[in-house]
């Protein structure tokens, strides 16, 4: 999915966001695979109103925000959503889940010079 994401960003002229978007996609997809229990997960990327919106759909109810727990300094996992949140804020965006919890999304402001 990282290669597909990178190709899509190149196609849209959004290479400047590629590294951070691929990190976000990796974290959101990993969470969906590890925690949803489903066998079908989809990824949508869309540029609209000056924002790149990344949506991972696993179809399973549950809210990622509610399940975040404090992470020990020496823990090897558990920082993914904090990383997504930090990257979203850095790019003037946000992240969250749909009302029913079946989708986790992240939005990033598209730099003015890169808007398609």
Protein backbone atom coordinates (compact mmCIF):
# COMPACT_ATOMS: atom_id res chain seq x y z
CA UNK A 1 0.00 0.00 0.00
CA UNK A 2 2.93 2.31 0.58
CA UNK A 3 3.95 1.98 -3.09
CA UNK A 4 0.39 2.59 -4.26
CA UNK A 5 0.16 5.63 -1.99
CA UNK A 6 3.49 7.01 -3.23
CA UNK A 7 2.41 6.55 -6.85
CA UNK A 8 -0.91 8.29 -6.21
CA UNK A 9 0.84 11.23 -4.51
CA UNK A 10 3.24 11.55 -7.45
CA UNK A 11 0.29 11.48 -9.86
CA UNK A 12 -1.40 14.29 -7.90
CA UNK A 13 1.82 16.33 -7.60
CA UNK A 14 1.97 15.90 -3.83
CA UNK A 15 5.47 14.45 -3.47
CA UNK A 16 6.22 16.98 -0.71
CA UNK A 17 3.80 15.11 1.58
CA UNK A 18 4.92 11.61 0.58
CA UNK A 19 7.06 10.65 3.57
CA UNK A 20 4.53 11.75 6.18
CA UNK A 21 1.55 10.35 4.26
CA UNK A 22 3.22 6.96 3.89
CA UNK A 23 3.91 6.91 7.63
CA UNK A 24 0.26 7.75 8.35
CA UNK A 25 -1.02 5.14 5.90
CA UNK A 26 1.26 2.51 7.44
CA UNK A 27 0.08 3.29 10.96
CA UNK A 28 -3.64 3.40 10.12
CA UNK A 29 -3.52 0.22 8.03
CA UNK A 30 -1.48 -1.61 10.66
CA UNK A 31 -4.02 -0.68 13.33
CA UNK A 32 -6.86 -1.88 11.11
CA UNK A 33 -5.13 -5.20 10.44
CA UNK A 34 -4.16 -5.80 14.06
CA UNK A 35 -7.31 -4.61 15.83
CA UNK A 36 -10.34 -4.93 13.56
CA UNK A 37 -10.51 -8.69 13.11
CA UNK A 38 -11.76 -8.24 9.55
CA UNK A 39 -10.32 -9.61 6.33
CA UNK A 40 -11.26 -6.65 4.12
CA UNK A 41 -9.71 -3.22 4.58
CA UNK A 42 -9.74 -0.36 2.10
CA UNK A 43 -7.73 2.82 1.72
CA UNK A 44 -9.03 6.02 0.11
CA UNK A 45 -7.01 9.13 -0.72
CA UNK A 46 -8.80 12.28 -1.83
CA UNK A 47 -7.83 15.91 -2.31
CA UNK A 48 -10.70 18.30 -1.64
CA UNK A 49 -10.98 21.87 -0.40
CA UNK A 50 -7.22 22.21 0.10
CA UNK A 51 -6.81 19.03 2.16
CA UNK A 52 -5.57 15.54 1.45
CA UNK A 53 -7.93 13.16 3.22
CA UNK A 54 -6.71 9.65 4.04
CA UNK A 55 -9.39 7.16 5.04
CA UNK A 56 -8.89 3.56 6.16
CA UNK A 57 -12.12 1.56 6.25
CA UNK A 58 -12.26 -1.74 8.08
CA UNK A 59 -16.03 -1.90 8.55
CA UNK A 60 -15.74 -2.86 12.21
CA UNK A 61 -17.29 -0.60 14.84
CA UNK A 62 -14.90 0.79 17.44
CA UNK A 63 -13.13 4.05 18.08
CA UNK A 64 -9.35 4.24 17.92
CA UNK A 65 -9.30 7.42 20.02
CA UNK A 66 -11.06 5.66 22.90
CA UNK A 67 -8.57 2.79 23.00
CA UNK A 68 -5.39 4.89 23.24
CA UNK A 69 -3.49 4.12 26.40
CA UNK A 70 -0.37 5.63 27.94
CA UNK A 71 2.79 4.03 26.58
CA UNK A 72 5.83 3.10 28.68
CA UNK A 73 9.10 4.69 27.59
CA UNK A 74 10.61 1.32 26.68
CA UNK A 75 7.52 -0.08 24.91
CA UNK A 76 8.05 -1.33 21.35
CA UNK A 77 4.50 -0.51 20.22
CA UNK A 78 1.61 1.78 21.03
CA UNK A 79 2.74 5.11 19.62
CA UNK A 80 1.18 4.89 16.15
CA UNK A 81 -1.91 7.02 16.72
CA UNK A 82 0.11 9.61 18.62
CA UNK A 83 2.41 9.78 15.60
CA UNK A 84 -0.59 10.15 13.24
CA UNK A 85 -1.95 12.94 15.44
CA UNK A 86 1.41 14.76 15.52
CA UNK A 87 1.86 14.54 11.74
CA UNK A 88 -1.71 15.74 11.12
CA UNK A 89 -1.21 18.74 13.42
CA UNK A 90 2.15 19.52 11.81
CA UNK A 91 0.36 19.76 8.46
CA UNK A 92 -2.58 21.81 9.72
CA UNK A 93 -4.94 18.85 9.78
CA UNK A 94 -6.60 16.44 12.16
CA UNK A 95 -7.49 12.79 12.56
CA UNK A 96 -10.36 10.79 14.00
CA UNK A 97 -12.89 8.06 13.44
CA UNK A 98 -16.31 8.03 11.83
CA UNK A 99 -19.36 8.18 14.10
CA UNK A 100 -19.84 4.41 13.84
CA UNK A 101 -16.10 3.70 14.19
CA UNK A 102 -15.78 1.78 10.91
CA UNK A 103 -13.42 4.36 9.40
CA UNK A 104 -10.29 6.06 10.68
CA UNK A 105 -9.29 9.21 8.83
CA UNK A 106 -6.59 11.82 8.71
CA UNK A 107 -6.52 15.13 6.85
CA UNK A 108 -3.45 17.18 5.90
CA UNK A 109 -3.44 20.66 4.41
CA UNK A 110 -2.02 20.61 0.92
CA UNK A 111 0.80 23.15 0.52
CA UNK A 112 -0.40 26.08 -1.64
CA UNK A 113 2.12 25.41 -4.38
CA UNK A 114 1.11 21.74 -4.59
CA UNK A 115 -2.67 22.05 -4.91
CA UNK A 116 -3.89 20.10 -7.93
